[in-house]
Amino acid sequence: MKIIITESKLESMILKYINDKFDVKDINYIEFMDYDGNPDDSAYEFYLGDYGDDETVFLLYNEHYWGEDPSVKNKVEQSPILIIEDNTFVDIMNSVFGDKWEPVFKQWFDHHFGFEINKVM
């Protein structure tokens, strides 16, 4: 049996799954610190609840995080990169929605946290 789903319905389904998985009211973030202990906007950690008490949900790396080492040139070019810590979530999204979920997730992330991302991992 073949089922046809409109693009808007597919987007709604993806957003529902993302919203069910990630309660944005409970997600906070903090900038990484440089070697001197000063906030460094090259990377951010997104976590549930109070910092240090709960789990990391996302890690966001901007291009200047990677430095100028030629071995990470591809990461610089793909940045900002968002790493989703829950690999099961990524596997489910890929198996159910293929590559259709990533653009929706990027818009969701920008809408809720104000960060544009180029690559989701």
PDB file of N, CA and C in Angstrom:
ATOM      1  N   MET A   1       0.837  -1.167   0.000  1.00  0.00           N
ATOM      2  CA  MET A   1       0.000   0.000   0.000  1.00  0.00           C
ATOM      3  C   MET A   1       0.888   1.238   0.000  1.00  0.00           C
ATOM      4  N   LYS A   2       0.520   2.202  -0.798  1.00  0.00           N
ATOM      5  CA  LYS A   2       1.265   3.443  -0.905  1.00  0.00           C
ATOM      6  C   LYS A   2       0.453   4.559  -0.255  1.00  0.00           C
ATOM      7  N   ILE A   3       1.111   5.307   0.636  1.00  0.00           N
ATOM      8  CA  ILE A   3       0.459   6.416   1.320  1.00  0.00           C
ATOM      9  C   ILE A   3       1.129   7.703   0.868  1.00  0.00           C
ATOM     10  N   ILE A   4       0.320   8.683   0.511  1.00  0.00           N
ATOM     11  CA  ILE A   4       0.847   9.976   0.080  1.00  0.00           C
ATOM     12  C   ILE A   4       0.540  10.994   1.178  1.00  0.00           C
ATOM     13  N   ILE A   5       1.595  11.683   1.614  1.00  0.00           N
ATOM     14  CA  ILE A   5       1.471  12.690   2.663  1.00  0.00           C
ATOM     15  C   ILE A   5       1.913  14.025   2.075  1.00  0.00           C
ATOM     16  N   THR A   6       1.116  15.061   2.275  1.00  0.00           N
ATOM     17  CA  THR A   6       1.494  16.383   1.778  1.00  0.00           C
ATOM     18  C   THR A   6       2.708  16.890   2.553  1.00  0.00           C
ATOM     19  N   GLU A   7       3.433  17.805   1.930  1.00  0.00           N
ATOM     20  CA  GLU A   7       4.637  18.347   2.558  1.00  0.00           C
ATOM     21  C   GLU A   7       4.317  19.042   3.879  1.00  0.00           C
ATOM     22  N   SER A   8       3.219  19.785   3.935  1.00  0.00           N
ATOM     23  CA  SER A   8       2.866  20.488   5.172  1.00  0.00           C
ATOM     24  C   SER A   8       2.498  19.503   6.282  1.00  0.00           C
ATOM     25  N   LYS A   9       1.840  18.413   5.930  1.00  0.00           N
ATOM     26  CA  LYS A   9       1.494  17.389   6.919  1.00  0.00           C
ATOM     27  C   LYS A   9       2.755  16.699   7.432  1.00  0.00           C
ATOM     28  N   LEU A  10       3.685  16.433   6.524  1.00  0.00           N
ATOM     29  CA  LEU A  10       4.948  15.821   6.909  1.00  0.00           C
ATOM     30  C   LEU A  10       5.700  16.727   7.874  1.00  0.00           C
ATOM     31  N   GLU A  11       5.746  18.010   7.564  1.00  0.00           N
ATOM     32  CA  GLU A  11       6.409  18.966   8.442  1.00  0.00           C
ATOM     33  C   GLU A  11       5.729  18.995   9.818  1.00  0.00           C
ATOM     34  N   SER A  12       4.411  18.954   9.845  1.00  0.00           N
ATOM     35  CA  SER A  12       3.673  18.925  11.113  1.00  0.00           C
ATOM     36  C   SER A  12       4.013  17.681  11.924  1.00  0.00           C
ATOM     37  N   MET A  13       4.120  16.545  11.250  1.00  0.00           N
ATOM     38  CA  MET A  13       4.464  15.301  11.930  1.00  0.00           C
ATOM     39  C   MET A  13       5.875  15.373  12.520  1.00  0.00           C
ATOM     40  N   ILE A  14       6.803  15.926  11.745  1.00  0.00           N
ATOM     41  CA  ILE A  14       8.180  16.066  12.218  1.00  0.00           C
ATOM     42  C   ILE A  14       8.236  16.997  13.423  1.00  0.00           C
ATOM     43  N   LEU A  15       7.567  18.142  13.331  1.00  0.00           N
ATOM     44  CA  LEU A  15       7.549  19.087  14.452  1.00  0.00           C
ATOM     45  C   LEU A  15       6.922  18.488  15.695  1.00  0.00           C
ATOM     46  N   LYS A  16       5.869  17.713  15.535  1.00  0.00           N
ATOM     47  CA  LYS A  16       5.240  17.072  16.686  1.00  0.00           C
ATOM     48  C   LYS A  16       6.218  16.125  17.365  1.00  0.00           C
ATOM     49  N   TYR A  17       6.936  15.354  16.577  1.00  0.00           N
ATOM     50  CA  TYR A  17       7.902  14.420  17.153  1.00  0.00           C
ATOM     51  C   TYR A  17       9.022  15.176  17.872  1.00  0.00           C
ATOM     52  N   ILE A  18       9.526  16.241  17.250  1.00  0.00           N
ATOM     53  CA  ILE A  18      10.588  17.047  17.878  1.00  0.00           C
ATOM     54  C   ILE A  18      10.082  17.676  19.170  1.00  0.00           C
ATOM     55  N   ASN A  19       8.891  18.272  19.132  1.00  0.00           N
ATOM     56  CA  ASN A  19       8.342  18.918  20.331  1.00  0.00           C
ATOM     57  C   ASN A  19       8.044  17.921  21.446  1.00  0.00           C
ATOM     58  N   ASP A  20       7.623  16.713  21.071  1.00  0.00           N
ATOM     59  CA  ASP A  20       7.386  15.679  22.088  1.00  0.00           C
ATOM     60  C   ASP A  20       8.692  15.235  22.735  1.00  0.00           C
ATOM     61  N   LYS A  21       9.757  15.238  21.969  1.00  0.00           N
ATOM     62  CA  LYS A  21      11.059  14.775  22.464  1.00  0.00           C
ATOM     63  C   LYS A  21      11.774  15.830  23.295  1.00  0.00           C
ATOM     64  N   PHE A  22      11.721  17.092  22.846  1.00  0.00           N
ATOM     65  CA  PHE A  22      12.495  18.151  23.484  1.00  0.00           C
ATOM     66  C   PHE A  22      11.579  19.234  24.043  1.00  0.00           C
ATOM     67  N   ASP A  23      11.509  19.321  25.355  1.00  0.00           N
ATOM     68  CA  ASP A  23      10.720  20.345  26.031  1.00  0.00           C
ATOM     69  C   ASP A  23      11.579  21.602  26.153  1.00  0.00           C
ATOM     70  N   VAL A  24      11.367  22.563  25.254  1.00  0.00           N
ATOM     71  CA  VAL A  24      12.227  23.741  25.204  1.00  0.00           C
ATOM     72  C   VAL A  24      12.176  24.572  26.484  1.00  0.00           C
ATOM     73  N   LYS A  25      11.106  24.457  27.245  1.00  0.00           N
ATOM     74  CA  LYS A  25      11.012  25.210  28.505  1.00  0.00           C
ATOM     75  C   LYS A  25      12.052  24.728  29.512  1.00  0.00           C
ATOM     76  N   ASP A  26      12.533  23.497  29.351  1.00  0.00           N
ATOM     77  CA  ASP A  26      13.484  22.926  30.302  1.00  0.00           C
ATOM     78  C   ASP A  26      14.900  22.853  29.744  1.00  0.00           C
ATOM     79  N   ILE A  27      15.115  23.373  28.524  1.00  0.00           N
ATOM     80  CA  ILE A  27      16.446  23.350  27.925  1.00  0.00           C
ATOM     81  C   ILE A  27      17.094  24.716  28.102  1.00  0.00           C
ATOM     82  N   ASN A  28      18.280  24.712  28.669  1.00  0.00           N
ATOM     83  CA  ASN A  28      19.078  25.915  28.870  1.00  0.00           C
ATOM     84  C   ASN A  28      20.404  25.731  28.149  1.00  0.00           C
ATOM     85  N   TYR A  29      21.173  26.812  28.025  1.00  0.00           N
ATOM     86  CA  TYR A  29      22.483  26.664  27.391  1.00  0.00           C
ATOM     87  C   TYR A  29      23.500  27.601  28.025  1.00  0.00           C
ATOM     88  N   ILE A  30      24.754  27.228  27.822  1.00  0.00           N
ATOM     89  CA  ILE A  30      25.867  28.001  28.358  1.00  0.00           C
ATOM     90  C   ILE A  30      26.982  28.010  27.320  1.00  0.00           C
ATOM     91  N   GLU A  31      27.704  29.127  27.245  1.00  0.00           N
ATOM     92  CA  GLU A  31      28.857  29.217  26.359  1.00  0.00           C
ATOM     93  C   GLU A  31      30.008  28.399  26.936  1.00  0.00           C
ATOM     94  N   PHE A  32      30.820  27.848  26.063  1.00  0.00           N
ATOM     95  CA  PHE A  32      32.061  27.233  26.517  1.00  0.00           C
ATOM     96  C   PHE A  32      32.944  28.342  27.077  1.00  0.00           C
ATOM     97  N   MET A  33      33.943  27.974  27.842  1.00  0.00           N
ATOM     98  CA  MET A  33      34.881  28.944  28.404  1.00  0.00           C
ATOM     99  C   MET A  33      36.240  28.795  27.719  1.00  0.00           C
ATOM    100  N   ASP A  34      36.945  29.926  27.558  1.00  0.00           N
ATOM    101  CA  ASP A  34      38.297  29.853  27.004  1.00  0.00           C
ATOM    102  C   ASP A  34      39.272  29.449  28.110  1.00  0.00           C
ATOM    103  N   TYR A  35      40.546  29.411  27.795  1.00  0.00           N
ATOM    104  CA  TYR A  35      41.551  28.950  28.764  1.00  0.00           C
ATOM    105  C   TYR A  35      41.664  29.860  29.982  1.00  0.00           C
ATOM    106  N   ASP A  36      41.216  31.103  29.836  1.00  0.00           N
ATOM    107  CA  ASP A  36      41.264  32.044  30.957  1.00  0.00           C
ATOM    108  C   ASP A  36      39.972  32.067  31.764  1.00  0.00           C
ATOM    109  N   GLY A  37      39.015  31.229  31.406  1.00  0.00           N
ATOM    110  CA  GLY A  37      37.748  31.172  32.127  1.00  0.00           C
ATOM    111  C   GLY A  37      36.718  32.182  31.667  1.00  0.00           C
ATOM    112  N   ASN A  38      36.966  32.807  30.516  1.00  0.00           N
ATOM    113  CA  ASN A  38      36.024  33.784  29.965  1.00  0.00           C
ATOM    114  C   ASN A  38      35.066  33.095  28.996  1.00  0.00           C
ATOM    115  N   PRO A  39      33.821  33.568  28.931  1.00  0.00           N
ATOM    116  CA  PRO A  39      32.874  32.976  27.971  1.00  0.00           C
ATOM    117  C   PRO A  39      33.428  33.067  26.543  1.00  0.00           C
ATOM    118  N   ASP A  40      33.229  32.004  25.796  1.00  0.00           N
ATOM    119  CA  ASP A  40      33.757  31.899  24.445  1.00  0.00           C
ATOM    120  C   ASP A  40      32.613  31.438  23.542  1.00  0.00           C
ATOM    121  N   ASP A  41      32.189  32.310  22.632  1.00  0.00           N
ATOM    122  CA  ASP A  41      31.023  31.989  21.799  1.00  0.00           C
ATOM    123  C   ASP A  41      31.340  31.042  20.652  1.00  0.00           C
ATOM    124  N   SER A  42      32.451  30.326  20.723  1.00  0.00           N
ATOM    125  CA  SER A  42      32.791  29.374  19.662  1.00  0.00           C
ATOM    126  C   SER A  42      32.011  28.069  19.810  1.00  0.00           C
ATOM    127  N   ALA A  43      31.448  27.838  21.005  1.00  0.00           N
ATOM    128  CA  ALA A  43      30.682  26.612  21.221  1.00  0.00           C
ATOM    129  C   ALA A  43      29.725  26.811  22.399  1.00  0.00           C
ATOM    130  N   TYR A  44      28.613  26.054  22.357  1.00  0.00           N
ATOM    131  CA  TYR A  44      27.597  26.126  23.404  1.00  0.00           C
ATOM    132  C   TYR A  44      27.166  24.717  23.786  1.00  0.00           C
ATOM    133  N   GLU A  45      26.844  24.568  25.063  1.00  0.00           N
ATOM    134  CA  GLU A  45      26.269  23.314  25.546  1.00  0.00           C
ATOM    135  C   GLU A  45      24.816  23.581  25.933  1.00  0.00           C
ATOM    136  N   PHE A  46      23.901  22.788  25.393  1.00  0.00           N
ATOM    137  CA  PHE A  46      22.478  22.879  25.719  1.00  0.00           C
ATOM    138  C   PHE A  46      22.164  21.702  26.630  1.00  0.00           C
ATOM    139  N   TYR A  47      21.500  21.976  27.738  1.00  0.00           N
ATOM    140  CA  TYR A  47      21.276  20.947  28.749  1.00  0.00           C
ATOM    141  C   TYR A  47      19.876  21.061  29.327  1.00  0.00           C
ATOM    142  N   LEU A  48      19.416  19.980  29.910  1.00  0.00           N
ATOM    143  CA  LEU A  48      18.115  19.959  30.591  1.00  0.00           C
ATOM    144  C   LEU A  48      18.286  20.388  32.037  1.00  0.00           C
ATOM    145  N   GLY A  49      17.360  21.214  32.516  1.00  0.00           N
ATOM    146  CA  GLY A  49      17.349  21.585  33.931  1.00  0.00           C
ATOM    147  C   GLY A  49      18.463  22.530  34.300  1.00  0.00           C
ATOM    148  N   ASP A  50      19.014  22.320  35.491  1.00  0.00           N
ATOM    149  CA  ASP A  50      20.098  23.152  36.009  1.00  0.00           C
ATOM    150  C   ASP A  50      21.440  22.606  35.546  1.00  0.00           C
ATOM    151  N   TYR A  51      22.358  23.504  35.229  1.00  0.00           N
ATOM    152  CA  TYR A  51      23.657  23.085  34.717  1.00  0.00           C
ATOM    153  C   TYR A  51      24.364  22.169  35.713  1.00  0.00           C
ATOM    154  N   GLY A  52      24.867  21.083  35.210  1.00  0.00           N
ATOM    155  CA  GLY A  52      25.605  20.135  36.044  1.00  0.00           C
ATOM    156  C   GLY A  52      24.737  19.064  36.670  1.00  0.00           C
ATOM    157  N   ASP A  53      23.429  19.312  36.752  1.00  0.00           N
ATOM    158  CA  ASP A  53      22.529  18.346  37.383  1.00  0.00           C
ATOM    159  C   ASP A  53      21.911  17.372  36.397  1.00  0.00           C
ATOM    160  N   ASP A  54      21.722  17.813  35.171  1.00  0.00           N
ATOM    161  CA  ASP A  54      21.004  16.987  34.205  1.00  0.00           C
ATOM    162  C   ASP A  54      21.848  16.740  32.965  1.00  0.00           C
ATOM    163  N   GLU A  55      21.216  16.204  31.971  1.00  0.00           N
ATOM    164  CA  GLU A  55      21.943  15.739  30.802  1.00  0.00           C
ATOM    165  C   GLU A  55      22.122  16.798  29.724  1.00  0.00           C
ATOM    166  N   THR A  56      23.207  16.647  28.983  1.00  0.00           N
ATOM    167  CA  THR A  56      23.456  17.470  27.809  1.00  0.00           C
ATOM    168  C   THR A  56      22.559  16.983  26.690  1.00  0.00           C
ATOM    169  N   VAL A  57      21.909  17.917  26.008  1.00  0.00           N
ATOM    170  CA  VAL A  57      20.994  17.588  24.922  1.00  0.00           C
ATOM    171  C   VAL A  57      21.654  17.844  23.569  1.00  0.00           C
ATOM    172  N   PHE A  58      22.268  19.026  23.420  1.00  0.00           N
ATOM    173  CA  PHE A  58      22.905  19.420  22.168  1.00  0.00           C
ATOM    174  C   PHE A  58      24.255  20.067  22.462  1.00  0.00           C
ATOM    175  N   LEU A  59      25.154  19.979  21.489  1.00  0.00           N
ATOM    176  CA  LEU A  59      26.400  20.735  21.497  1.00  0.00           C
ATOM    177  C   LEU A  59      26.464  21.486  20.175  1.00  0.00           C
ATOM    178  N   LEU A  60      26.738  22.774  20.239  1.00  0.00           N
ATOM    179  CA  LEU A  60      26.796  23.617  19.042  1.00  0.00           C
ATOM    180  C   LEU A  60      28.219  24.150  18.888  1.00  0.00           C
ATOM    181  N   TYR A  61      28.804  23.911  17.716  1.00  0.00           N
ATOM    182  CA  TYR A  61      30.174  24.340  17.440  1.00  0.00           C
ATOM    183  C   TYR A  61      30.181  25.302  16.253  1.00  0.00           C
ATOM    184  N   ASN A  62      30.687  26.524  16.492  1.00  0.00           N
ATOM    185  CA  ASN A  62      30.843  27.505  15.424  1.00  0.00           C
ATOM    186  C   ASN A  62      32.184  27.292  14.728  1.00  0.00           C
ATOM    187  N   GLU A  63      32.363  27.915  13.574  1.00  0.00           N
ATOM    188  CA  GLU A  63      33.551  27.631  12.768  1.00  0.00           C
ATOM    189  C   GLU A  63      34.853  27.982  13.478  1.00  0.00           C
ATOM    190  N   HIS A  64      34.890  29.038  14.286  1.00  0.00           N
ATOM    191  CA  HIS A  64      36.147  29.397  14.942  1.00  0.00           C
ATOM    192  C   HIS A  64      36.487  28.462  16.108  1.00  0.00           C
ATOM    193  N   TYR A  65      35.584  27.575  16.490  1.00  0.00           N
ATOM    194  CA  TYR A  65      35.893  26.571  17.512  1.00  0.00           C
ATOM    195  C   TYR A  65      37.002  25.634  17.035  1.00  0.00           C
ATOM    196  N   TRP A  66      36.985  25.305  15.748  1.00  0.00           N
ATOM    197  CA  TRP A  66      37.875  24.280  15.203  1.00  0.00           C
ATOM    198  C   TRP A  66      39.301  24.765  14.978  1.00  0.00           C
ATOM    199  N   GLY A  67      39.518  26.056  15.003  1.00  0.00           N
ATOM    200  CA  GLY A  67      40.866  26.568  14.776  1.00  0.00           C
ATOM    201  C   GLY A  67      41.240  26.512  13.309  1.00  0.00           C
ATOM    202  N   GLU A  68      42.524  26.499  13.048  1.00  0.00           N
ATOM    203  CA  GLU A  68      42.992  26.562  11.663  1.00  0.00           C
ATOM    204  C   GLU A  68      43.722  25.302  11.235  1.00  0.00           C
ATOM    205  N   ASP A  69      43.572  24.232  11.948  1.00  0.00           N
ATOM    206  CA  ASP A  69      44.194  22.956  11.602  1.00  0.00           C
ATOM    207  C   ASP A  69      43.584  22.432  10.302  1.00  0.00           C
ATOM    208  N   PRO A  70      44.396  22.184   9.271  1.00  0.00           N
ATOM    209  CA  PRO A  70      43.862  21.709   7.988  1.00  0.00           C
ATOM    210  C   PRO A  70      43.097  20.378   8.087  1.00  0.00           C
ATOM    211  N   SER A  71      43.369  19.594   9.118  1.00  0.00           N
ATOM    212  CA  SER A  71      42.695  18.299   9.239  1.00  0.00           C
ATOM    213  C   SER A  71      41.206  18.442   9.591  1.00  0.00           C
ATOM    214  N   VAL A  72      40.792  19.611  10.045  1.00  0.00           N
ATOM    215  CA  VAL A  72      39.376  19.823  10.386  1.00  0.00           C
ATOM    216  C   VAL A  72      38.712  20.824   9.433  1.00  0.00           C
ATOM    217  N   LYS A  73      39.308  21.003   8.271  1.00  0.00           N
ATOM    218  CA  LYS A  73      38.774  21.964   7.295  1.00  0.00           C
ATOM    219  C   LYS A  73      37.302  21.682   6.975  1.00  0.00           C
ATOM    220  N   ASN A  74      36.934  20.406   6.848  1.00  0.00           N
ATOM    221  CA  ASN A  74      35.541  20.079   6.527  1.00  0.00           C
ATOM    222  C   ASN A  74      34.592  20.506   7.645  1.00  0.00           C
ATOM    223  N   LYS A  75      35.018  20.412   8.900  1.00  0.00           N
ATOM    224  CA  LYS A  75      34.171  20.849  10.014  1.00  0.00           C
ATOM    225  C   LYS A  75      34.000  22.365  10.001  1.00  0.00           C
ATOM    226  N   VAL A  76      35.045  23.076   9.664  1.00  0.00           N
ATOM    227  CA  VAL A  76      34.971  24.537   9.566  1.00  0.00           C
ATOM    228  C   VAL A  76      33.961  24.917   8.493  1.00  0.00           C
ATOM    229  N   GLU A  77      34.032  24.250   7.349  1.00  0.00           N
ATOM    230  CA  GLU A  77      33.139  24.548   6.236  1.00  0.00           C
ATOM    231  C   GLU A  77      31.687  24.190   6.546  1.00  0.00           C
ATOM    232  N   GLN A  78      31.453  23.174   7.372  1.00  0.00           N
ATOM    233  CA  GLN A  78      30.096  22.740   7.704  1.00  0.00           C
ATOM    234  C   GLN A  78      29.496  23.527   8.864  1.00  0.00           C
ATOM    235  N   SER A  79      30.295  24.269   9.587  1.00  0.00           N
ATOM    236  CA  SER A  79      29.837  24.963  10.795  1.00  0.00           C
ATOM    237  C   SER A  79      28.875  26.097  10.465  1.00  0.00           C
ATOM    238  N   PRO A  80      28.017  26.427  11.426  1.00  0.00           N
ATOM    239  CA  PRO A  80      27.838  25.853  12.741  1.00  0.00           C
ATOM    240  C   PRO A  80      27.264  24.423  12.668  1.00  0.00           C
ATOM    241  N   ILE A  81      27.845  23.568  13.497  1.00  0.00           N
ATOM    242  CA  ILE A  81      27.438  22.162  13.575  1.00  0.00           C
ATOM    243  C   ILE A  81      26.739  21.933  14.898  1.00  0.00           C
ATOM    244  N   LEU A  82      25.585  21.285  14.840  1.00  0.00           N
ATOM    245  CA  LEU A  82      24.861  20.920  16.049  1.00  0.00           C
ATOM    246  C   LEU A  82      24.923  19.406  16.198  1.00  0.00           C
ATOM    247  N   ILE A  83      25.426  18.968  17.325  1.00  0.00           N
ATOM    248  CA  ILE A  83      25.464  17.544  17.628  1.00  0.00           C
ATOM    249  C   ILE A  83      24.324  17.244  18.587  1.00  0.00           C
ATOM    250  N   ILE A  84      23.465  16.329  18.194  1.00  0.00           N
ATOM    251  CA  ILE A  84      22.372  15.886  19.047  1.00  0.00           C
ATOM    252  C   ILE A  84      22.901  14.689  19.834  1.00  0.00           C
ATOM    253  N   GLU A  85      22.918  14.804  21.141  1.00  0.00           N
ATOM    254  CA  GLU A  85      23.520  13.780  21.985  1.00  0.00           C
ATOM    255  C   GLU A  85      22.758  12.452  21.959  1.00  0.00           C
ATOM    256  N   ASP A  86      21.465  12.492  21.696  1.00  0.00           N
ATOM    257  CA  ASP A  86      20.649  11.273  21.672  1.00  0.00           C
ATOM    258  C   ASP A  86      20.721  10.634  20.282  1.00  0.00           C
ATOM    259  N   ASN A  87      21.643   9.690  20.118  1.00  0.00           N
ATOM    260  CA  ASN A  87      21.818   9.035  18.817  1.00  0.00           C
ATOM    261  C   ASN A  87      20.578   8.269  18.391  1.00  0.00           C
ATOM    262  N   THR A  88      19.820   7.756  19.333  1.00  0.00           N
ATOM    263  CA  THR A  88      18.593   7.033  19.001  1.00  0.00           C
ATOM    264  C   THR A  88      17.603   7.962  18.319  1.00  0.00           C
ATOM    265  N   PHE A  89      17.494   9.190  18.802  1.00  0.00           N
ATOM    266  CA  PHE A  89      16.610  10.174  18.182  1.00  0.00           C
ATOM    267  C   PHE A  89      17.002  10.397  16.725  1.00  0.00           C
ATOM    268  N   VAL A  90      18.285  10.598  16.473  1.00  0.00           N
ATOM    269  CA  VAL A  90      18.770  10.833  15.106  1.00  0.00           C
ATOM    270  C   VAL A  90      18.487   9.612  14.233  1.00  0.00           C
ATOM    271  N   ASP A  91      18.743   8.418  14.755  1.00  0.00           N
ATOM    272  CA  ASP A  91      18.483   7.190  13.985  1.00  0.00           C
ATOM    273  C   ASP A  91      17.007   7.049  13.635  1.00  0.00           C
ATOM    274  N   ILE A  92      16.137   7.337  14.599  1.00  0.00           N
ATOM    275  CA  ILE A  92      14.694   7.247  14.352  1.00  0.00           C
ATOM    276  C   ILE A  92      14.270   8.275  13.309  1.00  0.00           C
ATOM    277  N   MET A  93      14.742   9.501  13.445  1.00  0.00           N
ATOM    278  CA  MET A  93      14.373  10.553  12.493  1.00  0.00           C
ATOM    279  C   MET A  93      14.830  10.189  11.085  1.00  0.00           C
ATOM    280  N   ASN A  94      16.043   9.663  10.968  1.00  0.00           N
ATOM    281  CA  ASN A  94      16.550   9.262   9.649  1.00  0.00           C
ATOM    282  C   ASN A  94      15.762   8.102   9.070  1.00  0.00           C
ATOM    283  N   SER A  95      15.408   7.137   9.902  1.00  0.00           N
ATOM    284  CA  SER A  95      14.702   5.964   9.373  1.00  0.00           C
ATOM    285  C   SER A  95      13.240   6.271   9.045  1.00  0.00           C
ATOM    286  N   VAL A  96      12.609   7.151   9.796  1.00  0.00           N
ATOM    287  CA  VAL A  96      11.198   7.468   9.559  1.00  0.00           C
ATOM    288  C   VAL A  96      11.028   8.566   8.510  1.00  0.00           C
ATOM    289  N   PHE A  97      11.840   9.618   8.589  1.00  0.00           N
ATOM    290  CA  PHE A  97      11.635  10.786   7.736  1.00  0.00           C
ATOM    291  C   PHE A  97      12.718  10.992   6.673  1.00  0.00           C
ATOM    292  N   GLY A  98      13.739  10.142   6.649  1.00  0.00           N
ATOM    293  CA  GLY A  98      14.822  10.321   5.687  1.00  0.00           C
ATOM    294  C   GLY A  98      15.515  11.654   5.905  1.00  0.00           C
ATOM    295  N   ASP A  99      15.846  12.343   4.842  1.00  0.00           N
ATOM    296  CA  ASP A  99      16.528  13.633   4.967  1.00  0.00           C
ATOM    297  C   ASP A  99      15.564  14.813   5.090  1.00  0.00           C
ATOM    298  N   LYS A 100      14.280  14.531   5.200  1.00  0.00           N
ATOM    299  CA  LYS A 100      13.266  15.603   5.277  1.00  0.00           C
ATOM    300  C   LYS A 100      13.208  16.273   6.648  1.00  0.00           C
ATOM    301  N   TRP A 101      13.697  15.619   7.704  1.00  0.00           N
ATOM    302  CA  TRP A 101      13.559  16.161   9.047  1.00  0.00           C
ATOM    303  C   TRP A 101      14.585  17.238   9.374  1.00  0.00           C
ATOM    304  N   GLU A 102      15.770  17.180   8.755  1.00  0.00           N
ATOM    305  CA  GLU A 102      16.835  18.111   9.136  1.00  0.00           C
ATOM    306  C   GLU A 102      16.488  19.578   8.890  1.00  0.00           C
ATOM    307  N   PRO A 103      15.950  19.965   7.718  1.00  0.00           N
ATOM    308  CA  PRO A 103      15.585  21.374   7.538  1.00  0.00           C
ATOM    309  C   PRO A 103      14.527  21.840   8.544  1.00  0.00           C
ATOM    310  N   VAL A 104      13.595  20.975   8.868  1.00  0.00           N
ATOM    311  CA  VAL A 104      12.553  21.320   9.848  1.00  0.00           C
ATOM    312  C   VAL A 104      13.181  21.495  11.218  1.00  0.00           C
ATOM    313  N   PHE A 105      14.089  20.601  11.576  1.00  0.00           N
ATOM    314  CA  PHE A 105      14.772  20.688  12.873  1.00  0.00           C
ATOM    315  C   PHE A 105      15.605  21.966  12.958  1.00  0.00           C
ATOM    316  N   LYS A 106      16.301  22.313  11.884  1.00  0.00           N
ATOM    317  CA  LYS A 106      17.111  23.534  11.879  1.00  0.00           C
ATOM    318  C   LYS A 106      16.244  24.767  12.117  1.00  0.00           C
ATOM    319  N   GLN A 107      15.088  24.829  11.466  1.00  0.00           N
ATOM    320  CA  GLN A 107      14.169  25.955  11.671  1.00  0.00           C
ATOM    321  C   GLN A 107      13.643  25.960  13.101  1.00  0.00           C
ATOM    322  N   TRP A 108      13.293  24.796  13.612  1.00  0.00           N
ATOM    323  CA  TRP A 108      12.807  24.671  14.995  1.00  0.00           C
ATOM    324  C   TRP A 108      13.864  25.174  15.963  1.00  0.00           C
ATOM    325  N   PHE A 109      15.103  24.764  15.763  1.00  0.00           N
ATOM    326  CA  PHE A 109      16.199  25.142  16.648  1.00  0.00           C
ATOM    327  C   PHE A 109      16.421  26.652  16.610  1.00  0.00           C
ATOM    328  N   ASP A 110      16.463  27.238  15.419  1.00  0.00           N
ATOM    329  CA  ASP A 110      16.646  28.674  15.275  1.00  0.00           C
ATOM    330  C   ASP A 110      15.489  29.428  15.927  1.00  0.00           C
ATOM    331  N   HIS A 111      14.275  28.960  15.725  1.00  0.00           N
ATOM    332  CA  HIS A 111      13.096  29.599  16.298  1.00  0.00           C
ATOM    333  C   HIS A 111      13.158  29.621  17.833  1.00  0.00           C
ATOM    334  N   HIS A 112      13.543  28.521  18.433  1.00  0.00           N
ATOM    335  CA  HIS A 112      13.517  28.418  19.894  1.00  0.00           C
ATOM    336  C   HIS A 112      14.768  28.950  20.582  1.00  0.00           C
ATOM    337  N   PHE A 113      15.924  28.870  19.927  1.00  0.00           N
ATOM    338  CA  PHE A 113      17.168  29.241  20.609  1.00  0.00           C
ATOM    339  C   PHE A 113      17.919  30.390  19.939  1.00  0.00           C
ATOM    340  N   GLY A 114      17.513  30.774  18.722  1.00  0.00           N
ATOM    341  CA  GLY A 114      18.129  31.911  18.054  1.00  0.00           C
ATOM    342  C   GLY A 114      19.491  31.625  17.439  1.00  0.00           C
ATOM    343  N   PHE A 115      19.776  30.373  17.156  1.00  0.00           N
ATOM    344  CA  PHE A 115      21.037  30.003  16.511  1.00  0.00           C
ATOM    345  C   PHE A 115      20.734  29.314  15.179  1.00  0.00           C
ATOM    346  N   GLU A 116      21.324  29.815  14.120  1.00  0.00           N
ATOM    347  CA  GLU A 116      21.224  29.121  12.838  1.00  0.00           C
ATOM    348  C   GLU A 116      22.276  28.028  12.815  1.00  0.00           C
ATOM    349  N   ILE A 117      21.924  26.894  12.219  1.00  0.00           N
ATOM    350  CA  ILE A 117      22.885  25.805  12.101  1.00  0.00           C
ATOM    351  C   ILE A 117      22.931  25.326  10.656  1.00  0.00           C
ATOM    352  N   ASN A 118      24.095  24.852  10.250  1.00  0.00           N
ATOM    353  CA  ASN A 118      24.263  24.337   8.892  1.00  0.00           C
ATOM    354  C   ASN A 118      24.197  22.823   8.852  1.00  0.00           C
ATOM    355  N   LYS A 119      24.734  22.173   9.866  1.00  0.00           N
ATOM    356  CA  LYS A 119      24.857  20.710   9.847  1.00  0.00           C
ATOM    357  C   LYS A 119      24.336  20.155  11.160  1.00  0.00           C
ATOM    358  N   VAL A 120      23.556  19.076  11.048  1.00  0.00           N
ATOM    359  CA  VAL A 120      23.064  18.368  12.229  1.00  0.00           C
ATOM    360  C   VAL A 120      23.714  16.988  12.248  1.00  0.00           C
ATOM    361  N   MET A 121      24.213  16.606  13.384  1.00  0.00           N
ATOM    362  CA  MET A 121      24.848  15.292  13.522  1.00  0.00           C
ATOM    363  C   MET A 121      24.285  14.579  14.744  1.00  0.00           C
TER     364      MET A 121
END
